[in-house]
Amino acid sequence: MRDMTNQRDKLREDAKFRILRLLRENPEMSQRELARAVGVSTGGIHYVLSALVDKGLIKLGDFTAAQDRRRYAYVLTRKGLAEKALLTRRFLARKMDEYEALRAEIDAVRAEIVADAVREGGA
């Protein structure tokens, strides 16, 4: 059960990291665009954005998307920039660990293939 909770926390942190990263580069992204880019529902993005605003990590600003339509810009605050930096370091460390584990597994499978080929060739 603890592993599942831990995995869920990692997925949430990854989503938060990706959202902050995307908004840093493009504050005018719509919730629909963010949802598509992160791979979650629009409702899920709305929930996360509301939480980020409540925590003071992003603030809302108005911008005009078209003459007859207004949308929000999601601007990272100083606190949001600091959180993004922390999440970036964690994300990178986690992905490097995953990469090393995957690399070790690939090396082991390759060794098995070679060993199997030697056994089959020697039989």
PDB file of N, CA and C in Angstrom:
ATOM      1  N   MET A   1       0.829  -1.195   0.000  1.00  0.00           N
ATOM      2  CA  MET A   1       0.000   0.000   0.000  1.00  0.00           C
ATOM      3  C   MET A   1       0.874   1.260   0.000  1.00  0.00           C
ATOM      4  N   ARG A   2       1.962   1.217   0.772  1.00  0.00           N
ATOM      5  CA  ARG A   2       2.865   2.366   0.858  1.00  0.00           C
ATOM      6  C   ARG A   2       3.504   2.665  -0.490  1.00  0.00           C
ATOM      7  N   ASP A   3       3.874   1.620  -1.246  1.00  0.00           N
ATOM      8  CA  ASP A   3       4.458   1.817  -2.566  1.00  0.00           C
ATOM      9  C   ASP A   3       3.485   2.505  -3.505  1.00  0.00           C
ATOM     10  N   MET A   4       2.195   2.137  -3.411  1.00  0.00           N
ATOM     11  CA  MET A   4       1.191   2.745  -4.271  1.00  0.00           C
ATOM     12  C   MET A   4       1.025   4.228  -3.923  1.00  0.00           C
ATOM     13  N   THR A   5       1.005   4.563  -2.640  1.00  0.00           N
ATOM     14  CA  THR A   5       0.898   5.955  -2.216  1.00  0.00           C
ATOM     15  C   THR A   5       2.130   6.730  -2.668  1.00  0.00           C
ATOM     16  N   ASN A   6       3.292   6.134  -2.489  1.00  0.00           N
ATOM     17  CA  ASN A   6       4.529   6.766  -2.907  1.00  0.00           C
ATOM     18  C   ASN A   6       4.530   7.021  -4.412  1.00  0.00           C
ATOM     19  N   GLN A   7       4.078   6.052  -5.182  1.00  0.00           N
ATOM     20  CA  GLN A   7       3.998   6.192  -6.642  1.00  0.00           C
ATOM     21  C   GLN A   7       3.004   7.292  -7.017  1.00  0.00           C
ATOM     22  N   ARG A   8       1.878   7.343  -6.340  1.00  0.00           N
ATOM     23  CA  ARG A   8       0.865   8.371  -6.609  1.00  0.00           C
ATOM     24  C   ARG A   8       1.433   9.755  -6.315  1.00  0.00           C
ATOM     25  N   ASP A   9       2.184   9.877  -5.213  1.00  0.00           N
ATOM     26  CA  ASP A   9       2.813  11.152  -4.860  1.00  0.00           C
ATOM     27  C   ASP A   9       3.817  11.581  -5.929  1.00  0.00           C
ATOM     28  N   LYS A  10       4.582  10.625  -6.446  1.00  0.00           N
ATOM     29  CA  LYS A  10       5.552  10.929  -7.508  1.00  0.00           C
ATOM     30  C   LYS A  10       4.845  11.406  -8.771  1.00  0.00           C
ATOM     31  N   LEU A  11       3.738  10.753  -9.113  1.00  0.00           N
ATOM     32  CA  LEU A  11       2.988  11.157 -10.300  1.00  0.00           C
ATOM     33  C   LEU A  11       2.412  12.557 -10.137  1.00  0.00           C
ATOM     34  N   ARG A  12       1.904  12.856  -8.948  1.00  0.00           N
ATOM     35  CA  ARG A  12       1.376  14.198  -8.686  1.00  0.00           C
ATOM     36  C   ARG A  12       2.489  15.243  -8.765  1.00  0.00           C
ATOM     37  N   GLU A  13       3.630  14.908  -8.188  1.00  0.00           N
ATOM     38  CA  GLU A  13       4.761  15.837  -8.221  1.00  0.00           C
ATOM     39  C   GLU A  13       5.237  16.054  -9.650  1.00  0.00           C
ATOM     40  N   ASP A  14       5.270  14.980 -10.441  1.00  0.00           N
ATOM     41  CA  ASP A  14       5.662  15.104 -11.846  1.00  0.00           C
ATOM     42  C   ASP A  14       4.684  15.999 -12.607  1.00  0.00           C
ATOM     43  N   ALA A  15       3.391  15.820 -12.357  1.00  0.00           N
ATOM     44  CA  ALA A  15       2.385  16.650 -13.025  1.00  0.00           C
ATOM     45  C   ALA A  15       2.553  18.112 -12.621  1.00  0.00           C
ATOM     46  N   LYS A  16       2.763  18.357 -11.339  1.00  0.00           N
ATOM     47  CA  LYS A  16       2.967  19.721 -10.838  1.00  0.00           C
ATOM     48  C   LYS A  16       4.209  20.337 -11.489  1.00  0.00           C
ATOM     49  N   PHE A  17       5.291  19.551 -11.568  1.00  0.00           N
ATOM     50  CA  PHE A  17       6.517  20.013 -12.212  1.00  0.00           C
ATOM     51  C   PHE A  17       6.249  20.380 -13.666  1.00  0.00           C
ATOM     52  N   ARG A  18       5.568  19.499 -14.382  1.00  0.00           N
ATOM     53  CA  ARG A  18       5.315  19.744 -15.806  1.00  0.00           C
ATOM     54  C   ARG A  18       4.437  20.976 -16.013  1.00  0.00           C
ATOM     55  N   ILE A  19       3.439  21.139 -15.156  1.00  0.00           N
ATOM     56  CA  ILE A  19       2.552  22.304 -15.263  1.00  0.00           C
ATOM     57  C   ILE A  19       3.336  23.591 -15.018  1.00  0.00           C
ATOM     58  N   LEU A  20       4.134  23.625 -13.949  1.00  0.00           N
ATOM     59  CA  LEU A  20       4.922  24.828 -13.660  1.00  0.00           C
ATOM     60  C   LEU A  20       5.915  25.107 -14.790  1.00  0.00           C
ATOM     61  N   ARG A  21       6.490  24.062 -15.317  1.00  0.00           N
ATOM     62  CA  ARG A  21       7.458  24.218 -16.417  1.00  0.00           C
ATOM     63  C   ARG A  21       6.769  24.786 -17.656  1.00  0.00           C
ATOM     64  N   LEU A  22       5.621  24.234 -17.998  1.00  0.00           N
ATOM     65  CA  LEU A  22       4.885  24.715 -19.165  1.00  0.00           C
ATOM     66  C   LEU A  22       4.429  26.162 -18.982  1.00  0.00           C
ATOM     67  N   LEU A  23       3.939  26.488 -17.795  1.00  0.00           N
ATOM     68  CA  LEU A  23       3.457  27.847 -17.553  1.00  0.00           C
ATOM     69  C   LEU A  23       4.599  28.848 -17.523  1.00  0.00           C
ATOM     70  N   ARG A  24       5.758  28.414 -17.085  1.00  0.00           N
ATOM     71  CA  ARG A  24       6.925  29.307 -17.086  1.00  0.00           C
ATOM     72  C   ARG A  24       7.249  29.716 -18.518  1.00  0.00           C
ATOM     73  N   GLU A  25       7.141  28.780 -19.436  1.00  0.00           N
ATOM     74  CA  GLU A  25       7.452  29.045 -20.839  1.00  0.00           C
ATOM     75  C   GLU A  25       6.300  29.716 -21.580  1.00  0.00           C
ATOM     76  N   ASN A  26       5.068  29.397 -21.177  1.00  0.00           N
ATOM     77  CA  ASN A  26       3.906  29.912 -21.893  1.00  0.00           C
ATOM     78  C   ASN A  26       2.756  30.167 -20.922  1.00  0.00           C
ATOM     79  N   PRO A  27       2.770  31.306 -20.235  1.00  0.00           N
ATOM     80  CA  PRO A  27       1.748  31.595 -19.218  1.00  0.00           C
ATOM     81  C   PRO A  27       0.329  31.689 -19.767  1.00  0.00           C
ATOM     82  N   GLU A  28       0.192  31.867 -21.068  1.00  0.00           N
ATOM     83  CA  GLU A  28      -1.142  32.019 -21.666  1.00  0.00           C
ATOM     84  C   GLU A  28      -1.793  30.702 -22.061  1.00  0.00           C
ATOM     85  N   MET A  29      -1.147  29.570 -21.757  1.00  0.00           N
ATOM     86  CA  MET A  29      -1.746  28.280 -22.126  1.00  0.00           C
ATOM     87  C   MET A  29      -3.128  28.144 -21.489  1.00  0.00           C
ATOM     88  N   SER A  30      -4.059  27.630 -22.246  1.00  0.00           N
ATOM     89  CA  SER A  30      -5.397  27.387 -21.709  1.00  0.00           C
ATOM     90  C   SER A  30      -5.374  26.112 -20.861  1.00  0.00           C
ATOM     91  N   GLN A  31      -6.402  25.953 -20.058  1.00  0.00           N
ATOM     92  CA  GLN A  31      -6.504  24.731 -19.259  1.00  0.00           C
ATOM     93  C   GLN A  31      -6.591  23.506 -20.164  1.00  0.00           C
ATOM     94  N   ARG A  32      -7.272  23.626 -21.259  1.00  0.00           N
ATOM     95  CA  ARG A  32      -7.391  22.507 -22.206  1.00  0.00           C
ATOM     96  C   ARG A  32      -6.023  22.150 -22.799  1.00  0.00           C
ATOM     97  N   GLU A  33      -5.247  23.166 -23.165  1.00  0.00           N
ATOM     98  CA  GLU A  33      -3.908  22.923 -23.709  1.00  0.00           C
ATOM     99  C   GLU A  33      -2.992  22.294 -22.659  1.00  0.00           C
ATOM    100  N   LEU A  34      -3.080  22.795 -21.430  1.00  0.00           N
ATOM    101  CA  LEU A  34      -2.285  22.218 -20.345  1.00  0.00           C
ATOM    102  C   LEU A  34      -2.659  20.765 -20.102  1.00  0.00           C
ATOM    103  N   ALA A  35      -3.959  20.499 -20.069  1.00  0.00           N
ATOM    104  CA  ALA A  35      -4.436  19.132 -19.836  1.00  0.00           C
ATOM    105  C   ALA A  35      -3.892  18.186 -20.899  1.00  0.00           C
ATOM    106  N   ARG A  36      -3.953  18.612 -22.141  1.00  0.00           N
ATOM    107  CA  ARG A  36      -3.463  17.790 -23.248  1.00  0.00           C
ATOM    108  C   ARG A  36      -1.955  17.555 -23.118  1.00  0.00           C
ATOM    109  N   ALA A  37      -1.201  18.607 -22.792  1.00  0.00           N
ATOM    110  CA  ALA A  37       0.257  18.505 -22.702  1.00  0.00           C
ATOM    111  C   ALA A  37       0.709  17.632 -21.536  1.00  0.00           C
ATOM    112  N   VAL A  38      -0.038  17.683 -20.428  1.00  0.00           N
ATOM    113  CA  VAL A  38       0.352  16.929 -19.230  1.00  0.00           C
ATOM    114  C   VAL A  38      -0.261  15.534 -19.220  1.00  0.00           C
ATOM    115  N   GLY A  39      -1.349  15.356 -19.965  1.00  0.00           N
ATOM    116  CA  GLY A  39      -1.987  14.045 -20.031  1.00  0.00           C
ATOM    117  C   GLY A  39      -2.973  13.792 -18.905  1.00  0.00           C
ATOM    118  N   VAL A  40      -3.647  14.853 -18.464  1.00  0.00           N
ATOM    119  CA  VAL A  40      -4.689  14.717 -17.445  1.00  0.00           C
ATOM    120  C   VAL A  40      -5.960  15.389 -17.954  1.00  0.00           C
ATOM    121  N   SER A  41      -7.037  15.204 -17.224  1.00  0.00           N
ATOM    122  CA  SER A  41      -8.306  15.801 -17.638  1.00  0.00           C
ATOM    123  C   SER A  41      -8.285  17.314 -17.413  1.00  0.00           C
ATOM    124  N   THR A  42      -9.163  18.003 -18.122  1.00  0.00           N
ATOM    125  CA  THR A  42      -9.284  19.446 -17.940  1.00  0.00           C
ATOM    126  C   THR A  42      -9.722  19.754 -16.508  1.00  0.00           C
ATOM    127  N   GLY A  43     -10.596  18.930 -15.968  1.00  0.00           N
ATOM    128  CA  GLY A  43     -11.013  19.103 -14.570  1.00  0.00           C
ATOM    129  C   GLY A  43      -9.854  18.929 -13.608  1.00  0.00           C
ATOM    130  N   GLY A  44      -8.988  17.966 -13.915  1.00  0.00           N
ATOM    131  CA  GLY A  44      -7.802  17.749 -13.084  1.00  0.00           C
ATOM    132  C   GLY A  44      -6.865  18.947 -13.122  1.00  0.00           C
ATOM    133  N   ILE A  45      -6.699  19.524 -14.309  1.00  0.00           N
ATOM    134  CA  ILE A  45      -5.853  20.715 -14.452  1.00  0.00           C
ATOM    135  C   ILE A  45      -6.452  21.877 -13.663  1.00  0.00           C
ATOM    136  N   HIS A  46      -7.772  22.036 -13.759  1.00  0.00           N
ATOM    137  CA  HIS A  46      -8.449  23.109 -13.019  1.00  0.00           C
ATOM    138  C   HIS A  46      -8.180  22.962 -11.523  1.00  0.00           C
ATOM    139  N   TYR A  47      -8.288  21.747 -11.020  1.00  0.00           N
ATOM    140  CA  TYR A  47      -8.042  21.471  -9.608  1.00  0.00           C
ATOM    141  C   TYR A  47      -6.599  21.827  -9.224  1.00  0.00           C
ATOM    142  N   VAL A  48      -5.634  21.393 -10.040  1.00  0.00           N
ATOM    143  CA  VAL A  48      -4.219  21.660  -9.745  1.00  0.00           C
ATOM    144  C   VAL A  48      -3.933  23.155  -9.822  1.00  0.00           C
ATOM    145  N   LEU A  49      -4.445  23.832 -10.837  1.00  0.00           N
ATOM    146  CA  LEU A  49      -4.212  25.268 -10.959  1.00  0.00           C
ATOM    147  C   LEU A  49      -4.792  26.021  -9.764  1.00  0.00           C
ATOM    148  N   SER A  50      -5.971  25.621  -9.332  1.00  0.00           N
ATOM    149  CA  SER A  50      -6.572  26.259  -8.146  1.00  0.00           C
ATOM    150  C   SER A  50      -5.694  26.059  -6.921  1.00  0.00           C
ATOM    151  N   ALA A  51      -5.160  24.858  -6.759  1.00  0.00           N
ATOM    152  CA  ALA A  51      -4.278  24.571  -5.623  1.00  0.00           C
ATOM    153  C   ALA A  51      -2.990  25.391  -5.725  1.00  0.00           C
ATOM    154  N   LEU A  52      -2.448  25.529  -6.934  1.00  0.00           N
ATOM    155  CA  LEU A  52      -1.223  26.315  -7.110  1.00  0.00           C
ATOM    156  C   LEU A  52      -1.456  27.793  -6.803  1.00  0.00           C
ATOM    157  N   VAL A  53      -2.625  28.292  -7.173  1.00  0.00           N
ATOM    158  CA  VAL A  53      -2.979  29.677  -6.840  1.00  0.00           C
ATOM    159  C   VAL A  53      -3.120  29.815  -5.329  1.00  0.00           C
ATOM    160  N   ASP A  54      -3.828  28.871  -4.692  1.00  0.00           N
ATOM    161  CA  ASP A  54      -4.033  28.911  -3.233  1.00  0.00           C
ATOM    162  C   ASP A  54      -2.711  28.868  -2.469  1.00  0.00           C
ATOM    163  N   LYS A  55      -1.733  28.124  -3.005  1.00  0.00           N
ATOM    164  CA  LYS A  55      -0.425  28.011  -2.349  1.00  0.00           C
ATOM    165  C   LYS A  55       0.491  29.190  -2.674  1.00  0.00           C
ATOM    166  N   GLY A  56       0.032  30.068  -3.562  1.00  0.00           N
ATOM    167  CA  GLY A  56       0.836  31.233  -3.922  1.00  0.00           C
ATOM    168  C   GLY A  56       1.948  30.937  -4.902  1.00  0.00           C
ATOM    169  N   LEU A  57       1.843  29.822  -5.632  1.00  0.00           N
ATOM    170  CA  LEU A  57       2.885  29.458  -6.592  1.00  0.00           C
ATOM    171  C   LEU A  57       2.666  30.098  -7.960  1.00  0.00           C
ATOM    172  N   ILE A  58       1.396  30.361  -8.269  1.00  0.00           N
ATOM    173  CA  ILE A  58       1.071  31.080  -9.498  1.00  0.00           C
ATOM    174  C   ILE A  58       0.029  32.137  -9.156  1.00  0.00           C
ATOM    175  N   LYS A  59      -0.034  33.140 -10.006  1.00  0.00           N
ATOM    176  CA  LYS A  59      -1.088  34.151  -9.866  1.00  0.00           C
ATOM    177  C   LYS A  59      -1.760  34.308 -11.214  1.00  0.00           C
ATOM    178  N   LEU A  60      -2.987  34.760 -11.163  1.00  0.00           N
ATOM    179  CA  LEU A  60      -3.757  34.933 -12.387  1.00  0.00           C
ATOM    180  C   LEU A  60      -3.605  36.352 -12.890  1.00  0.00           C
ATOM    181  N   GLY A  61      -3.433  36.473 -14.187  1.00  0.00           N
ATOM    182  CA  GLY A  61      -3.423  37.770 -14.838  1.00  0.00           C
ATOM    183  C   GLY A  61      -4.313  37.680 -16.054  1.00  0.00           C
ATOM    184  N   ASP A  62      -4.959  38.768 -16.394  1.00  0.00           N
ATOM    185  CA  ASP A  62      -5.814  38.777 -17.583  1.00  0.00           C
ATOM    186  C   ASP A  62      -4.984  39.123 -18.810  1.00  0.00           C
ATOM    187  N   PHE A  63      -5.321  38.526 -19.912  1.00  0.00           N
ATOM    188  CA  PHE A  63      -4.784  38.965 -21.191  1.00  0.00           C
ATOM    189  C   PHE A  63      -5.866  38.746 -22.224  1.00  0.00           C
ATOM    190  N   THR A  64      -5.792  39.472 -23.285  1.00  0.00           N
ATOM    191  CA  THR A  64      -6.801  39.369 -24.333  1.00  0.00           C
ATOM    192  C   THR A  64      -6.342  38.355 -25.363  1.00  0.00           C
ATOM    193  N   ALA A  65      -7.106  37.298 -25.487  1.00  0.00           N
ATOM    194  CA  ALA A  65      -6.788  36.251 -26.456  1.00  0.00           C
ATOM    195  C   ALA A  65      -7.239  36.676 -27.852  1.00  0.00           C
ATOM    196  N   ALA A  66      -8.316  37.372 -27.908  1.00  0.00           N
ATOM    197  CA  ALA A  66      -8.858  37.888 -29.167  1.00  0.00           C
ATOM    198  C   ALA A  66      -9.657  39.131 -28.812  1.00  0.00           C
ATOM    199  N   GLN A  67     -10.102  39.851 -29.801  1.00  0.00           N
ATOM    200  CA  GLN A  67     -10.813  41.099 -29.530  1.00  0.00           C
ATOM    201  C   GLN A  67     -12.043  40.891 -28.655  1.00  0.00           C
ATOM    202  N   ASP A  68     -12.739  39.800 -28.850  1.00  0.00           N
ATOM    203  CA  ASP A  68     -13.995  39.591 -28.141  1.00  0.00           C
ATOM    204  C   ASP A  68     -13.878  38.552 -27.031  1.00  0.00           C
ATOM    205  N   ARG A  69     -12.666  38.143 -26.684  1.00  0.00           N
ATOM    206  CA  ARG A  69     -12.530  37.051 -25.723  1.00  0.00           C
ATOM    207  C   ARG A  69     -11.376  37.331 -24.771  1.00  0.00           C
ATOM    208  N   ARG A  70     -11.590  37.104 -23.484  1.00  0.00           N
ATOM    209  CA  ARG A  70     -10.531  37.288 -22.498  1.00  0.00           C
ATOM    210  C   ARG A  70     -10.199  35.946 -21.864  1.00  0.00           C
ATOM    211  N   ARG A  71      -8.917  35.757 -21.578  1.00  0.00           N
ATOM    212  CA  ARG A  71      -8.463  34.546 -20.905  1.00  0.00           C
ATOM    213  C   ARG A  71      -7.506  34.941 -19.807  1.00  0.00           C
ATOM    214  N   TYR A  72      -7.118  33.952 -19.037  1.00  0.00           N
ATOM    215  CA  TYR A  72      -6.157  34.192 -17.972  1.00  0.00           C
ATOM    216  C   TYR A  72      -4.755  33.828 -18.420  1.00  0.00           C
ATOM    217  N   ALA A  73      -3.801  34.522 -17.807  1.00  0.00           N
ATOM    218  CA  ALA A  73      -2.404  34.116 -17.919  1.00  0.00           C
ATOM    219  C   ALA A  73      -2.040  33.591 -16.537  1.00  0.00           C
ATOM    220  N   TYR A  74      -1.335  32.492 -16.471  1.00  0.00           N
ATOM    221  CA  TYR A  74      -0.914  31.895 -15.208  1.00  0.00           C
ATOM    222  C   TYR A  74       0.569  32.198 -15.030  1.00  0.00           C
ATOM    223  N   VAL A  75       0.866  33.148 -14.160  1.00  0.00           N
ATOM    224  CA  VAL A  75       2.229  33.644 -13.986  1.00  0.00           C
ATOM    225  C   VAL A  75       2.824  33.055 -12.713  1.00  0.00           C
ATOM    226  N   LEU A  76       4.025  32.492 -12.826  1.00  0.00           N
ATOM    227  CA  LEU A  76       4.695  31.948 -11.647  1.00  0.00           C
ATOM    228  C   LEU A  76       5.151  33.093 -10.747  1.00  0.00           C
ATOM    229  N   THR A  77       4.919  32.942  -9.466  1.00  0.00           N
ATOM    230  CA  THR A  77       5.383  33.904  -8.482  1.00  0.00           C
ATOM    231  C   THR A  77       6.824  33.554  -8.101  1.00  0.00           C
ATOM    232  N   ARG A  78       7.450  34.373  -7.276  1.00  0.00           N
ATOM    233  CA  ARG A  78       8.796  34.020  -6.793  1.00  0.00           C
ATOM    234  C   ARG A  78       8.770  32.686  -6.068  1.00  0.00           C
ATOM    235  N   LYS A  79       7.743  32.498  -5.269  1.00  0.00           N
ATOM    236  CA  LYS A  79       7.583  31.223  -4.555  1.00  0.00           C
ATOM    237  C   LYS A  79       7.403  30.081  -5.561  1.00  0.00           C
ATOM    238  N   GLY A  80       6.660  30.334  -6.623  1.00  0.00           N
ATOM    239  CA  GLY A  80       6.453  29.340  -7.667  1.00  0.00           C
ATOM    240  C   GLY A  80       7.738  29.004  -8.405  1.00  0.00           C
ATOM    241  N   LEU A  81       8.557  30.015  -8.663  1.00  0.00           N
ATOM    242  CA  LEU A  81       9.843  29.780  -9.324  1.00  0.00           C
ATOM    243  C   LEU A  81      10.756  28.940  -8.437  1.00  0.00           C
ATOM    244  N   ALA A  82      10.748  29.215  -7.131  1.00  0.00           N
ATOM    245  CA  ALA A  82      11.568  28.430  -6.200  1.00  0.00           C
ATOM    246  C   ALA A  82      11.069  26.990  -6.136  1.00  0.00           C
ATOM    247  N   GLU A  83       9.759  26.801  -6.108  1.00  0.00           N
ATOM    248  CA  GLU A  83       9.174  25.463  -6.089  1.00  0.00           C
ATOM    249  C   GLU A  83       9.498  24.718  -7.379  1.00  0.00           C
ATOM    250  N   LYS A  84       9.431  25.406  -8.500  1.00  0.00           N
ATOM    251  CA  LYS A  84       9.769  24.791  -9.784  1.00  0.00           C
ATOM    252  C   LYS A  84      11.223  24.327  -9.789  1.00  0.00           C
ATOM    253  N   ALA A  85      12.116  25.138  -9.244  1.00  0.00           N
ATOM    254  CA  ALA A  85      13.533  24.758  -9.180  1.00  0.00           C
ATOM    255  C   ALA A  85      13.714  23.503  -8.324  1.00  0.00           C
ATOM    256  N   LEU A  86      13.036  23.444  -7.184  1.00  0.00           N
ATOM    257  CA  LEU A  86      13.106  22.267  -6.315  1.00  0.00           C
ATOM    258  C   LEU A  86      12.543  21.036  -7.024  1.00  0.00           C
ATOM    259  N   LEU A  87      11.399  21.187  -7.645  1.00  0.00           N
ATOM    260  CA  LEU A  87      10.778  20.071  -8.364  1.00  0.00           C
ATOM    261  C   LEU A  87      11.635  19.624  -9.550  1.00  0.00           C
ATOM    262  N   THR A  88      12.295  20.559 -10.182  1.00  0.00           N
ATOM    263  CA  THR A  88      13.172  20.216 -11.304  1.00  0.00           C
ATOM    264  C   THR A  88      14.313  19.328 -10.832  1.00  0.00           C
ATOM    265  N   ARG A  89      14.933  19.687  -9.709  1.00  0.00           N
ATOM    266  CA  ARG A  89      16.031  18.868  -9.174  1.00  0.00           C
ATOM    267  C   ARG A  89      15.532  17.475  -8.802  1.00  0.00           C
ATOM    268  N   ARG A  90      14.380  17.395  -8.142  1.00  0.00           N
ATOM    269  CA  ARG A  90      13.824  16.085  -7.765  1.00  0.00           C
ATOM    270  C   ARG A  90      13.475  15.252  -8.989  1.00  0.00           C
ATOM    271  N   PHE A  91      12.843  15.900  -9.969  1.00  0.00           N
ATOM    272  CA  PHE A  91      12.443  15.212 -11.194  1.00  0.00           C
ATOM    273  C   PHE A  91      13.676  14.642 -11.894  1.00  0.00           C
ATOM    274  N   LEU A  92      14.703  15.459 -12.024  1.00  0.00           N
ATOM    275  CA  LEU A  92      15.921  15.018 -12.692  1.00  0.00           C
ATOM    276  C   LEU A  92      16.578  13.865 -11.933  1.00  0.00           C
ATOM    277  N   ALA A  93      16.646  13.949 -10.621  1.00  0.00           N
ATOM    278  CA  ALA A  93      17.246  12.868  -9.826  1.00  0.00           C
ATOM    279  C   ALA A  93      16.452  11.576  -9.992  1.00  0.00           C
ATOM    280  N   ARG A  94      15.124  11.684  -9.960  1.00  0.00           N
ATOM    281  CA  ARG A  94      14.274  10.499 -10.110  1.00  0.00           C
ATOM    282  C   ARG A  94      14.431   9.885 -11.501  1.00  0.00           C
ATOM    283  N   LYS A  95      14.458  10.720 -12.527  1.00  0.00           N
ATOM    284  CA  LYS A  95      14.591  10.212 -13.896  1.00  0.00           C
ATOM    285  C   LYS A  95      15.974   9.616 -14.122  1.00  0.00           C
ATOM    286  N   MET A  96      17.000  10.171 -13.522  1.00  0.00           N
ATOM    287  CA  MET A  96      18.342   9.600 -13.642  1.00  0.00           C
ATOM    288  C   MET A  96      18.389   8.223 -12.970  1.00  0.00           C
ATOM    289  N   ASP A  97      17.742   8.089 -11.812  1.00  0.00           N
ATOM    290  CA  ASP A  97      17.667   6.784 -11.147  1.00  0.00           C
ATOM    291  C   ASP A  97      16.934   5.777 -12.030  1.00  0.00           C
ATOM    292  N   GLU A  98      15.821   6.199 -12.619  1.00  0.00           N
ATOM    293  CA  GLU A  98      15.068   5.320 -13.515  1.00  0.00           C
ATOM    294  C   GLU A  98      15.912   4.928 -14.720  1.00  0.00           C
ATOM    295  N   TYR A  99      16.643   5.876 -15.261  1.00  0.00           N
ATOM    296  CA  TYR A  99      17.510   5.622 -16.412  1.00  0.00           C
ATOM    297  C   TYR A  99      18.575   4.585 -16.056  1.00  0.00           C
ATOM    298  N   GLU A 100      19.213   4.749 -14.910  1.00  0.00           N
ATOM    299  CA  GLU A 100      20.266   3.811 -14.495  1.00  0.00           C
ATOM    300  C   GLU A 100      19.691   2.412 -14.280  1.00  0.00           C
ATOM    301  N   ALA A 101      18.496   2.330 -13.675  1.00  0.00           N
ATOM    302  CA  ALA A 101      17.859   1.026 -13.460  1.00  0.00           C
ATOM    303  C   ALA A 101      17.510   0.381 -14.804  1.00  0.00           C
ATOM    304  N   LEU A 102      16.978   1.156 -15.719  1.00  0.00           N
ATOM    305  CA  LEU A 102      16.629   0.642 -17.046  1.00  0.00           C
ATOM    306  C   LEU A 102      17.882   0.211 -17.800  1.00  0.00           C
ATOM    307  N   ARG A 103      18.923   0.999 -17.690  1.00  0.00           N
ATOM    308  CA  ARG A 103      20.185   0.653 -18.348  1.00  0.00           C
ATOM    309  C   ARG A 103      20.746  -0.667 -17.800  1.00  0.00           C
ATOM    310  N   ALA A 104      20.682  -0.857 -16.486  1.00  0.00           N
ATOM    311  CA  ALA A 104      21.162  -2.105 -15.878  1.00  0.00           C
ATOM    312  C   ALA A 104      20.322  -3.289 -16.359  1.00  0.00           C
ATOM    313  N   GLU A 105      19.005  -3.088 -16.459  1.00  0.00           N
ATOM    314  CA  GLU A 105      18.133  -4.162 -16.940  1.00  0.00           C
ATOM    315  C   GLU A 105      18.433  -4.500 -18.395  1.00  0.00           C
ATOM    316  N   ILE A 106      18.653  -3.500 -19.214  1.00  0.00           N
ATOM    317  CA  ILE A 106      19.001  -3.731 -20.625  1.00  0.00           C
ATOM    318  C   ILE A 106      20.308  -4.508 -20.720  1.00  0.00           C
ATOM    319  N   ASP A 107      21.304  -4.121 -19.932  1.00  0.00           N
ATOM    320  CA  ASP A 107      22.588  -4.830 -19.936  1.00  0.00           C
ATOM    321  C   ASP A 107      22.410  -6.292 -19.522  1.00  0.00           C
ATOM    322  N   ALA A 108      21.565  -6.540 -18.517  1.00  0.00           N
ATOM    323  CA  ALA A 108      21.320  -7.909 -18.049  1.00  0.00           C
ATOM    324  C   ALA A 108      20.630  -8.740 -19.128  1.00  0.00           C
ATOM    325  N   VAL A 109      19.656  -8.149 -19.810  1.00  0.00           N
ATOM    326  CA  VAL A 109      18.951  -8.872 -20.877  1.00  0.00           C
ATOM    327  C   VAL A 109      19.904  -9.176 -22.030  1.00  0.00           C
ATOM    328  N   ARG A 110      20.743  -8.221 -22.379  1.00  0.00           N
ATOM    329  CA  ARG A 110      21.738  -8.465 -23.439  1.00  0.00           C
ATOM    330  C   ARG A 110      22.668  -9.614 -23.057  1.00  0.00           C
ATOM    331  N   ALA A 111      23.097  -9.628 -21.804  1.00  0.00           N
ATOM    332  CA  ALA A 111      23.981 -10.704 -21.338  1.00  0.00           C
ATOM    333  C   ALA A 111      23.267 -12.052 -21.422  1.00  0.00           C
ATOM    334  N   GLU A 112      21.974 -12.082 -21.090  1.00  0.00           N
ATOM    335  CA  GLU A 112      21.195 -13.320 -21.202  1.00  0.00           C
ATOM    336  C   GLU A 112      21.132 -13.794 -22.652  1.00  0.00           C
ATOM    337  N   ILE A 113      20.932 -12.863 -23.562  1.00  0.00           N
ATOM    338  CA  ILE A 113      20.862 -13.217 -24.983  1.00  0.00           C
ATOM    339  C   ILE A 113      22.173 -13.830 -25.440  1.00  0.00           C
ATOM    340  N   VAL A 114      23.273 -13.211 -25.049  1.00  0.00           N
ATOM    341  CA  VAL A 114      24.595 -13.739 -25.424  1.00  0.00           C
ATOM    342  C   VAL A 114      24.802 -15.113 -24.808  1.00  0.00           C
ATOM    343  N   ALA A 115      24.466 -15.266 -23.508  1.00  0.00           N
ATOM    344  CA  ALA A 115      24.646 -16.549 -22.829  1.00  0.00           C
ATOM    345  C   ALA A 115      23.781 -17.624 -23.483  1.00  0.00           C
ATOM    346  N   ASP A 116      22.538 -17.293 -23.836  1.00  0.00           N
ATOM    347  CA  ASP A 116      21.646 -18.246 -24.500  1.00  0.00           C
ATOM    348  C   ASP A 116      22.217 -18.644 -25.871  1.00  0.00           C
ATOM    349  N   ALA A 117      22.750 -17.688 -26.588  1.00  0.00           N
ATOM    350  CA  ALA A 117      23.312 -17.973 -27.914  1.00  0.00           C
ATOM    351  C   ALA A 117      24.525 -18.888 -27.799  1.00  0.00           C
ATOM    352  N   VAL A 118      25.342 -18.654 -26.786  1.00  0.00           N
ATOM    353  CA  VAL A 118      26.523 -19.506 -26.571  1.00  0.00           C
ATOM    354  C   VAL A 118      26.096 -20.922 -26.219  1.00  0.00           C
ATOM    355  N   ARG A 119      25.099 -21.045 -25.326  1.00  0.00           N
ATOM    356  CA  ARG A 119      24.591 -22.383 -24.931  1.00  0.00           C
ATOM    357  C   ARG A 119      24.002 -23.115 -26.124  1.00  0.00           C
ATOM    358  N   GLU A 120      23.209 -22.408 -26.921  1.00  0.00           N
ATOM    359  CA  GLU A 120      22.578 -23.033 -28.080  1.00  0.00           C
ATOM    360  C   GLU A 120      23.604 -23.415 -29.137  1.00  0.00           C
ATOM    361  N   GLY A 121      24.601 -22.576 -29.283  1.00  0.00           N
ATOM    362  CA  GLY A 121      25.645 -22.855 -30.279  1.00  0.00           C
ATOM    363  C   GLY A 121      26.567 -23.974 -29.834  1.00  0.00           C
ATOM    364  N   GLY A 122      26.729 -24.142 -28.526  1.00  0.00           N
ATOM    365  CA  GLY A 122      27.624 -25.165 -27.995  1.00  0.00           C
ATOM    366  C   GLY A 122      26.949 -26.495 -27.820  1.00  0.00           C
ATOM    367  N   ALA A 123      25.648 -26.561 -27.911  1.00  0.00           N
ATOM    368  CA  ALA A 123      24.933 -27.810 -27.661  1.00  0.00           C
ATOM    369  C   ALA A 123      24.952 -28.741 -28.832  1.00  0.00           C
TER     370      ALA A 123
END
